[in-house]
Amino acid sequence: RADLARVLERLVVYGAGEAGYHARTILT
């Protein structure tokens, strides 16, 4: 089931975008 914890994990970047902030992925 779609538990809230995992749903919020999936919304973090979308929330940042709404605030006008972009995201990057990083790797060694």
mmCIF file of all heavy atoms, coordinates in Angstrom:
data_MODEL
# 
_entry.id   MODEL 
# 
loop_
_atom_site.group_PDB 
_atom_site.id 
_atom_site.type_symbol 
_atom_site.label_atom_id 
_atom_site.label_alt_id 
_atom_site.label_comp_id 
_atom_site.label_asym_id 
_atom_site.label_entity_id 
_atom_site.label_seq_id 
_atom_site.pdbx_PDB_ins_code 
_atom_site.Cartn_x 
_atom_site.Cartn_y 
_atom_site.Cartn_z 
_atom_site.occupancy 
_atom_site.B_iso_or_equiv 
_atom_site.pdbx_formal_charge 
_atom_site.auth_seq_id 
_atom_site.auth_comp_id 
_atom_site.auth_asym_id 
_atom_site.auth_atom_id 
_atom_site.pdbx_PDB_model_num 
ATOM 1   N N   . ARG A 1 1  ? 0.837  -1.183 0.000   1.00 0.00 ? 1  ARG A N   1 
ATOM 2   C CA  . ARG A 1 1  ? 0.000  0.000  0.000   1.00 0.00 ? 1  ARG A CA  1 
ATOM 3   C C   . ARG A 1 1  ? 0.883  1.247  0.000   1.00 0.00 ? 1  ARG A C   1 
ATOM 4   O O   . ARG A 1 1  ? 2.071  1.192  0.329   1.00 0.00 ? 1  ARG A O   1 
ATOM 5   C CB  . ARG A 1 1  ? -0.930 0.016  1.207   1.00 0.00 ? 1  ARG A CB  1 
ATOM 6   C CG  . ARG A 1 1  ? -0.232 0.242  2.542   1.00 0.00 ? 1  ARG A CG  1 
ATOM 7   C CD  . ARG A 1 1  ? -1.241 0.323  3.663   1.00 0.00 ? 1  ARG A CD  1 
ATOM 8   N NE  . ARG A 1 1  ? -0.580 0.598  4.936   1.00 0.00 ? 1  ARG A NE  1 
ATOM 9   C CZ  . ARG A 1 1  ? -1.221 0.644  6.090   1.00 0.00 ? 1  ARG A CZ  1 
ATOM 10  N NH1 . ARG A 1 1  ? -2.526 0.405  6.119   1.00 0.00 ? 1  ARG A NH1 1 
ATOM 11  N NH2 . ARG A 1 1  ? -0.575 0.909  7.207   1.00 0.00 ? 1  ARG A NH2 1 
ATOM 12  N N   . ALA A 1 2  ? 0.263  2.349  -0.356  1.00 0.00 ? 2  ALA A N   1 
ATOM 13  C CA  . ALA A 1 2  ? 1.003  3.604  -0.479  1.00 0.00 ? 2  ALA A CA  1 
ATOM 14  C C   . ALA A 1 2  ? 1.086  4.280  0.877   1.00 0.00 ? 2  ALA A C   1 
ATOM 15  O O   . ALA A 1 2  ? 0.303  5.182  1.193   1.00 0.00 ? 2  ALA A O   1 
ATOM 16  C CB  . ALA A 1 2  ? 0.314  4.506  -1.503  1.00 0.00 ? 2  ALA A CB  1 
ATOM 17  N N   . ASP A 1 3  ? 2.035  3.863  1.709   1.00 0.00 ? 3  ASP A N   1 
ATOM 18  C CA  . ASP A 1 3  ? 2.160  4.473  3.025   1.00 0.00 ? 3  ASP A CA  1 
ATOM 19  C C   . ASP A 1 3  ? 2.711  5.889  2.896   1.00 0.00 ? 3  ASP A C   1 
ATOM 20  O O   . ASP A 1 3  ? 3.465  6.211  1.972   1.00 0.00 ? 3  ASP A O   1 
ATOM 21  C CB  . ASP A 1 3  ? 3.052  3.621  3.930   1.00 0.00 ? 3  ASP A CB  1 
ATOM 22  C CG  . ASP A 1 3  ? 4.471  3.506  3.408   1.00 0.00 ? 3  ASP A CG  1 
ATOM 23  O OD1 . ASP A 1 3  ? 4.688  2.720  2.466   1.00 0.00 ? 3  ASP A OD1 1 
ATOM 24  O OD2 . ASP A 1 3  ? 5.340  4.220  3.922   1.00 0.00 ? 3  ASP A OD2 1 
ATOM 25  N N   . LEU A 1 4  ? 2.325  6.749  3.822   1.00 0.00 ? 4  LEU A N   1 
ATOM 26  C CA  . LEU A 1 4  ? 2.647  8.168  3.735   1.00 0.00 ? 4  LEU A CA  1 
ATOM 27  C C   . LEU A 1 4  ? 4.148  8.414  3.705   1.00 0.00 ? 4  LEU A C   1 
ATOM 28  O O   . LEU A 1 4  ? 4.624  9.314  2.995   1.00 0.00 ? 4  LEU A O   1 
ATOM 29  C CB  . LEU A 1 4  ? 2.017  8.913  4.917   1.00 0.00 ? 4  LEU A CB  1 
ATOM 30  C CG  . LEU A 1 4  ? 2.265  10.422 4.969   1.00 0.00 ? 4  LEU A CG  1 
ATOM 31  C CD1 . LEU A 1 4  ? 1.721  11.108 3.716   1.00 0.00 ? 4  LEU A CD1 1 
ATOM 32  C CD2 . LEU A 1 4  ? 1.652  11.021 6.229   1.00 0.00 ? 4  LEU A CD2 1 
ATOM 33  N N   . ALA A 1 5  ? 4.915  7.642  4.462   1.00 0.00 ? 5  ALA A N   1 
ATOM 34  C CA  . ALA A 1 5  ? 6.364  7.865  4.497   1.00 0.00 ? 5  ALA A CA  1 
ATOM 35  C C   . ALA A 1 5  ? 6.970  7.760  3.103   1.00 0.00 ? 5  ALA A C   1 
ATOM 36  O O   . ALA A 1 5  ? 7.736  8.634  2.673   1.00 0.00 ? 5  ALA A O   1 
ATOM 37  C CB  . ALA A 1 5  ? 7.023  6.863  5.442   1.00 0.00 ? 5  ALA A CB  1 
ATOM 38  N N   . ARG A 1 6  ? 6.627  6.702  2.389   1.00 0.00 ? 6  ARG A N   1 
ATOM 39  C CA  . ARG A 1 6  ? 7.214  6.514  1.052   1.00 0.00 ? 6  ARG A CA  1 
ATOM 40  C C   . ARG A 1 6  ? 6.624  7.508  0.046   1.00 0.00 ? 6  ARG A C   1 
ATOM 41  O O   . ARG A 1 6  ? 7.299  7.885  -0.923  1.00 0.00 ? 6  ARG A O   1 
ATOM 42  C CB  . ARG A 1 6  ? 7.002  5.074  0.598   1.00 0.00 ? 6  ARG A CB  1 
ATOM 43  C CG  . ARG A 1 6  ? 7.856  4.064  1.364   1.00 0.00 ? 6  ARG A CG  1 
ATOM 44  C CD  . ARG A 1 6  ? 7.729  2.678  0.767   1.00 0.00 ? 6  ARG A CD  1 
ATOM 45  N NE  . ARG A 1 6  ? 8.601  1.710  1.418   1.00 0.00 ? 6  ARG A NE  1 
ATOM 46  C CZ  . ARG A 1 6  ? 8.263  0.976  2.471   1.00 0.00 ? 6  ARG A CZ  1 
ATOM 47  N NH1 . ARG A 1 6  ? 7.059  1.113  3.004   1.00 0.00 ? 6  ARG A NH1 1 
ATOM 48  N NH2 . ARG A 1 6  ? 9.109  0.114  2.993   1.00 0.00 ? 6  ARG A NH2 1 
ATOM 49  N N   . VAL A 1 7  ? 5.394  7.895  0.232   1.00 0.00 ? 7  VAL A N   1 
ATOM 50  C CA  . VAL A 1 7  ? 4.805  8.899  -0.660  1.00 0.00 ? 7  VAL A CA  1 
ATOM 51  C C   . VAL A 1 7  ? 5.525  10.228 -0.498  1.00 0.00 ? 7  VAL A C   1 
ATOM 52  O O   . VAL A 1 7  ? 5.893  10.884 -1.486  1.00 0.00 ? 7  VAL A O   1 
ATOM 53  C CB  . VAL A 1 7  ? 3.290  9.051  -0.392  1.00 0.00 ? 7  VAL A CB  1 
ATOM 54  C CG1 . VAL A 1 7  ? 2.746  10.278 -1.120  1.00 0.00 ? 7  VAL A CG1 1 
ATOM 55  C CG2 . VAL A 1 7  ? 2.539  7.806  -0.851  1.00 0.00 ? 7  VAL A CG2 1 
ATOM 56  N N   . LEU A 1 8  ? 5.763  10.655 0.735   1.00 0.00 ? 8  LEU A N   1 
ATOM 57  C CA  . LEU A 1 8  ? 6.478  11.917 0.948   1.00 0.00 ? 8  LEU A CA  1 
ATOM 58  C C   . LEU A 1 8  ? 7.897  11.854 0.398   1.00 0.00 ? 8  LEU A C   1 
ATOM 59  O O   . LEU A 1 8  ? 8.414  12.844 -0.139  1.00 0.00 ? 8  LEU A O   1 
ATOM 60  C CB  . LEU A 1 8  ? 6.508  12.260 2.435   1.00 0.00 ? 8  LEU A CB  1 
ATOM 61  C CG  . LEU A 1 8  ? 5.182  12.703 3.063   1.00 0.00 ? 8  LEU A CG  1 
ATOM 62  C CD1 . LEU A 1 8  ? 5.368  13.024 4.537   1.00 0.00 ? 8  LEU A CD1 1 
ATOM 63  C CD2 . LEU A 1 8  ? 4.603  13.907 2.335   1.00 0.00 ? 8  LEU A CD2 1 
ATOM 64  N N   . GLU A 1 9  ? 8.533  10.702 0.528   1.00 0.00 ? 9  GLU A N   1 
ATOM 65  C CA  . GLU A 1 9  ? 9.859  10.512 -0.051  1.00 0.00 ? 9  GLU A CA  1 
ATOM 66  C C   . GLU A 1 9  ? 9.830  10.791 -1.548  1.00 0.00 ? 9  GLU A C   1 
ATOM 67  O O   . GLU A 1 9  ? 10.769 11.392 -2.104  1.00 0.00 ? 9  GLU A O   1 
ATOM 68  C CB  . GLU A 1 9  ? 10.300 9.074  0.223   1.00 0.00 ? 9  GLU A CB  1 
ATOM 69  C CG  . GLU A 1 9  ? 11.712 8.731  -0.189  1.00 0.00 ? 9  GLU A CG  1 
ATOM 70  C CD  . GLU A 1 9  ? 12.046 7.301  0.202   1.00 0.00 ? 9  GLU A CD  1 
ATOM 71  O OE1 . GLU A 1 9  ? 11.679 6.375  -0.565  1.00 0.00 ? 9  GLU A OE1 1 
ATOM 72  O OE2 . GLU A 1 9  ? 12.639 7.102  1.272   1.00 0.00 ? 9  GLU A OE2 1 
ATOM 73  N N   . ARG A 1 10 ? 8.754  10.388 -2.196  1.00 0.00 ? 10 ARG A N   1 
ATOM 74  C CA  . ARG A 1 10 ? 8.618  10.577 -3.644  1.00 0.00 ? 10 ARG A CA  1 
ATOM 75  C C   . ARG A 1 10 ? 8.182  11.993 -4.018  1.00 0.00 ? 10 ARG A C   1 
ATOM 76  O O   . ARG A 1 10 ? 8.236  12.352 -5.198  1.00 0.00 ? 10 ARG A O   1 
ATOM 77  C CB  . ARG A 1 10 ? 7.624  9.543  -4.199  1.00 0.00 ? 10 ARG A CB  1 
ATOM 78  C CG  . ARG A 1 10 ? 8.215  8.142  -4.279  1.00 0.00 ? 10 ARG A CG  1 
ATOM 79  C CD  . ARG A 1 10 ? 7.165  7.051  -4.305  1.00 0.00 ? 10 ARG A CD  1 
ATOM 80  N NE  . ARG A 1 10 ? 7.767  5.756  -4.615  1.00 0.00 ? 10 ARG A NE  1 
ATOM 81  C CZ  . ARG A 1 10 ? 8.452  5.009  -3.750  1.00 0.00 ? 10 ARG A CZ  1 
ATOM 82  N NH1 . ARG A 1 10 ? 8.621  5.449  -2.506  1.00 0.00 ? 10 ARG A NH1 1 
ATOM 83  N NH2 . ARG A 1 10 ? 8.975  3.862  -4.117  1.00 0.00 ? 10 ARG A NH2 1 
ATOM 84  N N   . LEU A 1 11 ? 7.747  12.782 -3.046  1.00 0.00 ? 11 LEU A N   1 
ATOM 85  C CA  . LEU A 1 11 ? 7.269  14.139 -3.345  1.00 0.00 ? 11 LEU A CA  1 
ATOM 86  C C   . LEU A 1 11 ? 8.296  15.221 -3.027  1.00 0.00 ? 11 LEU A C   1 
ATOM 87  O O   . LEU A 1 11 ? 8.060  16.394 -3.328  1.00 0.00 ? 11 LEU A O   1 
ATOM 88  C CB  . LEU A 1 11 ? 5.987  14.416 -2.557  1.00 0.00 ? 11 LEU A CB  1 
ATOM 89  C CG  . LEU A 1 11 ? 4.720  13.720 -3.041  1.00 0.00 ? 11 LEU A CG  1 
ATOM 90  C CD1 . LEU A 1 11 ? 3.543  14.086 -2.138  1.00 0.00 ? 11 LEU A CD1 1 
ATOM 91  C CD2 . LEU A 1 11 ? 4.407  14.086 -4.488  1.00 0.00 ? 11 LEU A CD2 1 
ATOM 92  N N   . VAL A 1 12 ? 9.414  14.855 -2.425  1.00 0.00 ? 12 VAL A N   1 
ATOM 93  C CA  . VAL A 1 12 ? 10.375 15.855 -1.984  1.00 0.00 ? 12 VAL A CA  1 
ATOM 94  C C   . VAL A 1 12 ? 10.834 16.748 -3.139  1.00 0.00 ? 12 VAL A C   1 
ATOM 95  O O   . VAL A 1 12 ? 10.838 17.987 -3.034  1.00 0.00 ? 12 VAL A O   1 
ATOM 96  C CB  . VAL A 1 12 ? 11.589 15.169 -1.307  1.00 0.00 ? 12 VAL A CB  1 
ATOM 97  C CG1 . VAL A 1 12 ? 12.736 16.145 -1.154  1.00 0.00 ? 12 VAL A CG1 1 
ATOM 98  C CG2 . VAL A 1 12 ? 11.195 14.610 0.057   1.00 0.00 ? 12 VAL A CG2 1 
ATOM 99  N N   . VAL A 1 13 ? 11.209 16.157 -4.254  1.00 0.00 ? 13 VAL A N   1 
ATOM 100 C CA  . VAL A 1 13 ? 11.716 16.943 -5.385  1.00 0.00 ? 13 VAL A CA  1 
ATOM 101 C C   . VAL A 1 13 ? 10.604 17.769 -6.015  1.00 0.00 ? 13 VAL A C   1 
ATOM 102 O O   . VAL A 1 13 ? 10.824 18.909 -6.451  1.00 0.00 ? 13 VAL A O   1 
ATOM 103 C CB  . VAL A 1 13 ? 12.368 16.013 -6.429  1.00 0.00 ? 13 VAL A CB  1 
ATOM 104 C CG1 . VAL A 1 13 ? 12.734 16.782 -7.694  1.00 0.00 ? 13 VAL A CG1 1 
ATOM 105 C CG2 . VAL A 1 13 ? 13.621 15.368 -5.839  1.00 0.00 ? 13 VAL A CG2 1 
ATOM 106 N N   . TYR A 1 14 ? 9.387  17.233 -6.051  1.00 0.00 ? 14 TYR A N   1 
ATOM 107 C CA  . TYR A 1 14 ? 8.252  17.961 -6.637  1.00 0.00 ? 14 TYR A CA  1 
ATOM 108 C C   . TYR A 1 14 ? 7.904  19.167 -5.764  1.00 0.00 ? 14 TYR A C   1 
ATOM 109 O O   . TYR A 1 14 ? 7.553  20.236 -6.283  1.00 0.00 ? 14 TYR A O   1 
ATOM 110 C CB  . TYR A 1 14 ? 7.069  17.007 -6.814  1.00 0.00 ? 14 TYR A CB  1 
ATOM 111 C CG  . TYR A 1 14 ? 7.395  15.913 -7.790  1.00 0.00 ? 14 TYR A CG  1 
ATOM 112 C CD1 . TYR A 1 14 ? 8.094  14.776 -7.380  1.00 0.00 ? 14 TYR A CD1 1 
ATOM 113 C CD2 . TYR A 1 14 ? 7.077  16.034 -9.138  1.00 0.00 ? 14 TYR A CD2 1 
ATOM 114 C CE1 . TYR A 1 14 ? 8.452  13.792 -8.281  1.00 0.00 ? 14 TYR A CE1 1 
ATOM 115 C CE2 . TYR A 1 14 ? 7.423  15.048 -10.053 1.00 0.00 ? 14 TYR A CE2 1 
ATOM 116 C CZ  . TYR A 1 14 ? 8.123  13.932 -9.616  1.00 0.00 ? 14 TYR A CZ  1 
ATOM 117 O OH  . TYR A 1 14 ? 8.485  12.958 -10.519 1.00 0.00 ? 14 TYR A OH  1 
ATOM 118 N N   . GLY A 1 15 ? 8.010  18.992 -4.437  1.00 0.00 ? 15 GLY A N   1 
ATOM 119 C CA  . GLY A 1 15 ? 7.817  20.128 -3.554  1.00 0.00 ? 15 GLY A CA  1 
ATOM 120 C C   . GLY A 1 15 ? 8.882  21.190 -3.748  1.00 0.00 ? 15 GLY A C   1 
ATOM 121 O O   . GLY A 1 15 ? 8.592  22.388 -3.765  1.00 0.00 ? 15 GLY A O   1 
ATOM 122 N N   . ALA A 1 16 ? 10.131 20.756 -3.907  1.00 0.00 ? 16 ALA A N   1 
ATOM 123 C CA  . ALA A 1 16 ? 11.207 21.712 -4.164  1.00 0.00 ? 16 ALA A CA  1 
ATOM 124 C C   . ALA A 1 16 ? 10.958 22.475 -5.457  1.00 0.00 ? 16 ALA A C   1 
ATOM 125 O O   . ALA A 1 16 ? 11.153 23.697 -5.522  1.00 0.00 ? 16 ALA A O   1 
ATOM 126 C CB  . ALA A 1 16 ? 12.550 20.982 -4.219  1.00 0.00 ? 16 ALA A CB  1 
ATOM 127 N N   . GLY A 1 17 ? 10.500 21.771 -6.486  1.00 0.00 ? 17 GLY A N   1 
ATOM 128 C CA  . GLY A 1 17 ? 10.195 22.425 -7.750  1.00 0.00 ? 17 GLY A CA  1 
ATOM 129 C C   . GLY A 1 17 ? 9.111  23.472 -7.594  1.00 0.00 ? 17 GLY A C   1 
ATOM 130 O O   . GLY A 1 17 ? 9.186  24.557 -8.182  1.00 0.00 ? 17 GLY A O   1 
ATOM 131 N N   . GLU A 1 18 ? 8.085  23.161 -6.820  1.00 0.00 ? 18 GLU A N   1 
ATOM 132 C CA  . GLU A 1 18 ? 7.010  24.132 -6.593  1.00 0.00 ? 18 GLU A CA  1 
ATOM 133 C C   . GLU A 1 18 ? 7.552  25.406 -5.953  1.00 0.00 ? 18 GLU A C   1 
ATOM 134 O O   . GLU A 1 18 ? 7.066  26.511 -6.232  1.00 0.00 ? 18 GLU A O   1 
ATOM 135 C CB  . GLU A 1 18 ? 5.924  23.510 -5.709  1.00 0.00 ? 18 GLU A CB  1 
ATOM 136 C CG  . GLU A 1 18 ? 4.694  24.366 -5.517  1.00 0.00 ? 18 GLU A CG  1 
ATOM 137 C CD  . GLU A 1 18 ? 3.953  24.656 -6.819  1.00 0.00 ? 18 GLU A CD  1 
ATOM 138 O OE1 . GLU A 1 18 ? 3.952  23.778 -7.718  1.00 0.00 ? 18 GLU A OE1 1 
ATOM 139 O OE2 . GLU A 1 18 ? 3.376  25.754 -6.934  1.00 0.00 ? 18 GLU A OE2 1 
ATOM 140 N N   . ALA A 1 19 ? 8.553  25.250 -5.100  1.00 0.00 ? 19 ALA A N   1 
ATOM 141 C CA  . ALA A 1 19 ? 9.174  26.411 -4.461  1.00 0.00 ? 19 ALA A CA  1 
ATOM 142 C C   . ALA A 1 19 ? 10.179 27.104 -5.379  1.00 0.00 ? 19 ALA A C   1 
ATOM 143 O O   . ALA A 1 19 ? 10.791 28.108 -4.977  1.00 0.00 ? 19 ALA A O   1 
ATOM 144 C CB  . ALA A 1 19 ? 9.868  25.980 -3.167  1.00 0.00 ? 19 ALA A CB  1 
ATOM 145 N N   . GLY A 1 20 ? 10.375 26.582 -6.606  1.00 0.00 ? 20 GLY A N   1 
ATOM 146 C CA  . GLY A 1 20 ? 11.289 27.194 -7.561  1.00 0.00 ? 20 GLY A CA  1 
ATOM 147 C C   . GLY A 1 20 ? 12.709 26.683 -7.488  1.00 0.00 ? 20 GLY A C   1 
ATOM 148 O O   . GLY A 1 20 ? 13.609 27.265 -8.096  1.00 0.00 ? 20 GLY A O   1 
ATOM 149 N N   . TYR A 1 21 ? 12.925 25.582 -6.769  1.00 0.00 ? 21 TYR A N   1 
ATOM 150 C CA  . TYR A 1 21 ? 14.262 25.008 -6.626  1.00 0.00 ? 21 TYR A CA  1 
ATOM 151 C C   . TYR A 1 21 ? 14.397 23.753 -7.494  1.00 0.00 ? 21 TYR A C   1 
ATOM 152 O O   . TYR A 1 21 ? 13.508 22.905 -7.505  1.00 0.00 ? 21 TYR A O   1 
ATOM 153 C CB  . TYR A 1 21 ? 14.540 24.636 -5.170  1.00 0.00 ? 21 TYR A CB  1 
ATOM 154 C CG  . TYR A 1 21 ? 14.706 25.823 -4.251  1.00 0.00 ? 21 TYR A CG  1 
ATOM 155 C CD1 . TYR A 1 21 ? 13.625 26.321 -3.531  1.00 0.00 ? 21 TYR A CD1 1 
ATOM 156 C CD2 . TYR A 1 21 ? 15.950 26.441 -4.107  1.00 0.00 ? 21 TYR A CD2 1 
ATOM 157 C CE1 . TYR A 1 21 ? 13.777 27.415 -2.686  1.00 0.00 ? 21 TYR A CE1 1 
ATOM 158 C CE2 . TYR A 1 21 ? 16.104 27.532 -3.258  1.00 0.00 ? 21 TYR A CE2 1 
ATOM 159 C CZ  . TYR A 1 21 ? 15.015 28.021 -2.551  1.00 0.00 ? 21 TYR A CZ  1 
ATOM 160 O OH  . TYR A 1 21 ? 15.164 29.090 -1.719  1.00 0.00 ? 21 TYR A OH  1 
ATOM 161 N N   . HIS A 1 22 ? 15.519 23.634 -8.174  1.00 0.00 ? 22 HIS A N   1 
ATOM 162 C CA  . HIS A 1 22 ? 15.760 22.447 -8.987  1.00 0.00 ? 22 HIS A CA  1 
ATOM 163 C C   . HIS A 1 22 ? 16.573 21.430 -8.204  1.00 0.00 ? 22 HIS A C   1 
ATOM 164 O O   . HIS A 1 22 ? 17.110 21.711 -7.127  1.00 0.00 ? 22 HIS A O   1 
ATOM 165 C CB  . HIS A 1 22 ? 16.450 22.796 -10.308 1.00 0.00 ? 22 HIS A CB  1 
ATOM 166 C CG  . HIS A 1 22 ? 17.795 23.443 -10.149 1.00 0.00 ? 22 HIS A CG  1 
ATOM 167 N ND1 . HIS A 1 22 ? 17.958 24.788 -9.879  1.00 0.00 ? 22 HIS A ND1 1 
ATOM 168 C CD2 . HIS A 1 22 ? 19.058 22.940 -10.240 1.00 0.00 ? 22 HIS A CD2 1 
ATOM 169 C CE1 . HIS A 1 22 ? 19.250 25.079 -9.815  1.00 0.00 ? 22 HIS A CE1 1 
ATOM 170 N NE2 . HIS A 1 22 ? 19.944 23.976 -10.024 1.00 0.00 ? 22 HIS A NE2 1 
ATOM 171 N N   . ALA A 1 23 ? 16.664 20.224 -8.752  1.00 0.00 ? 23 ALA A N   1 
ATOM 172 C CA  . ALA A 1 23 ? 17.356 19.109 -8.094  1.00 0.00 ? 23 ALA A CA  1 
ATOM 173 C C   . ALA A 1 23 ? 18.455 18.578 -9.003  1.00 0.00 ? 23 ALA A C   1 
ATOM 174 O O   . ALA A 1 23 ? 18.375 18.696 -10.227 1.00 0.00 ? 23 ALA A O   1 
ATOM 175 C CB  . ALA A 1 23 ? 16.367 17.998 -7.761  1.00 0.00 ? 23 ALA A CB  1 
ATOM 176 N N   . ARG A 1 24 ? 19.462 18.004 -8.380  1.00 0.00 ? 24 ARG A N   1 
ATOM 177 C CA  . ARG A 1 24 ? 20.509 17.307 -9.135  1.00 0.00 ? 24 ARG A CA  1 
ATOM 178 C C   . ARG A 1 24 ? 20.775 15.957 -8.488  1.00 0.00 ? 24 ARG A C   1 
ATOM 179 O O   . ARG A 1 24 ? 20.628 15.799 -7.267  1.00 0.00 ? 24 ARG A O   1 
ATOM 180 C CB  . ARG A 1 24 ? 21.804 18.121 -9.185  1.00 0.00 ? 24 ARG A CB  1 
ATOM 181 C CG  . ARG A 1 24 ? 21.716 19.358 -10.056 1.00 0.00 ? 24 ARG A CG  1 
ATOM 182 C CD  . ARG A 1 24 ? 23.078 20.008 -10.259 1.00 0.00 ? 24 ARG A CD  1 
ATOM 183 N NE  . ARG A 1 24 ? 22.975 21.190 -11.085 1.00 0.00 ? 24 ARG A NE  1 
ATOM 184 C CZ  . ARG A 1 24 ? 22.982 21.191 -12.417 1.00 0.00 ? 24 ARG A CZ  1 
ATOM 185 N NH1 . ARG A 1 24 ? 23.099 20.037 -13.063 1.00 0.00 ? 24 ARG A NH1 1 
ATOM 186 N NH2 . ARG A 1 24 ? 22.879 22.303 -13.094 1.00 0.00 ? 24 ARG A NH2 1 
ATOM 187 N N   . THR A 1 25 ? 21.168 15.004 -9.313  1.00 0.00 ? 25 THR A N   1 
ATOM 188 C CA  . THR A 1 25 ? 21.643 13.731 -8.787  1.00 0.00 ? 25 THR A CA  1 
ATOM 189 C C   . THR A 1 25 ? 23.166 13.754 -8.797  1.00 0.00 ? 25 THR A C   1 
ATOM 190 O O   . THR A 1 25 ? 23.784 14.383 -9.661  1.00 0.00 ? 25 THR A O   1 
ATOM 191 C CB  . THR A 1 25 ? 21.114 12.559 -9.631  1.00 0.00 ? 25 THR A CB  1 
ATOM 192 O OG1 . THR A 1 25 ? 21.285 12.848 -11.031 1.00 0.00 ? 25 THR A OG1 1 
ATOM 193 C CG2 . THR A 1 25 ? 19.637 12.337 -9.361  1.00 0.00 ? 25 THR A CG2 1 
ATOM 194 N N   . ILE A 1 26 ? 23.766 13.082 -7.810  1.00 0.00 ? 26 ILE A N   1 
ATOM 195 C CA  . ILE A 1 26 ? 25.224 13.133 -7.662  1.00 0.00 ? 26 ILE A CA  1 
ATOM 196 C C   . ILE A 1 26 ? 25.771 11.724 -7.469  1.00 0.00 ? 26 ILE A C   1 
ATOM 197 O O   . ILE A 1 26 ? 25.134 10.863 -6.860  1.00 0.00 ? 26 ILE A O   1 
ATOM 198 C CB  . ILE A 1 26 ? 25.641 14.041 -6.490  1.00 0.00 ? 26 ILE A CB  1 
ATOM 199 C CG1 . ILE A 1 26 ? 24.946 13.623 -5.188  1.00 0.00 ? 26 ILE A CG1 1 
ATOM 200 C CG2 . ILE A 1 26 ? 25.353 15.496 -6.809  1.00 0.00 ? 26 ILE A CG2 1 
ATOM 201 C CD1 . ILE A 1 26 ? 25.414 14.415 -3.965  1.00 0.00 ? 26 ILE A CD1 1 
ATOM 202 N N   . LEU A 1 27 ? 26.976 11.497 -8.011  1.00 0.00 ? 27 LEU A N   1 
ATOM 203 C CA  . LEU A 1 27 ? 27.646 10.204 -7.931  1.00 0.00 ? 27 LEU A CA  1 
ATOM 204 C C   . LEU A 1 27 ? 29.147 10.402 -7.748  1.00 0.00 ? 27 LEU A C   1 
ATOM 205 O O   . LEU A 1 27 ? 29.721 11.365 -8.277  1.00 0.00 ? 27 LEU A O   1 
ATOM 206 C CB  . LEU A 1 27 ? 27.435 9.387  -9.205  1.00 0.00 ? 27 LEU A CB  1 
ATOM 207 C CG  . LEU A 1 27 ? 26.130 8.614  -9.399  1.00 0.00 ? 27 LEU A CG  1 
ATOM 208 C CD1 . LEU A 1 27 ? 26.105 7.997  -10.784 1.00 0.00 ? 27 LEU A CD1 1 
ATOM 209 C CD2 . LEU A 1 27 ? 25.985 7.533  -8.342  1.00 0.00 ? 27 LEU A CD2 1 
ATOM 210 N N   . THR A 1 28 ? 29.784 9.467  -7.059  1.00 0.00 ? 28 THR A N   1 
ATOM 211 C CA  . THR A 1 28 ? 31.238 9.412  -7.043  1.00 0.00 ? 28 THR A CA  1 
ATOM 212 C C   . THR A 1 28 ? 31.698 8.758  -8.346  1.00 0.00 ? 28 THR A C   1 
ATOM 213 O O   . THR A 1 28 ? 30.933 8.033  -9.000  1.00 0.00 ? 28 THR A O   1 
ATOM 214 C CB  . THR A 1 28 ? 31.754 8.580  -5.867  1.00 0.00 ? 28 THR A CB  1 
ATOM 215 O OG1 . THR A 1 28 ? 31.399 7.206  -6.080  1.00 0.00 ? 28 THR A OG1 1 
ATOM 216 C CG2 . THR A 1 28 ? 31.177 9.068  -4.547  1.00 0.00 ? 28 THR A CG2 1 
# 
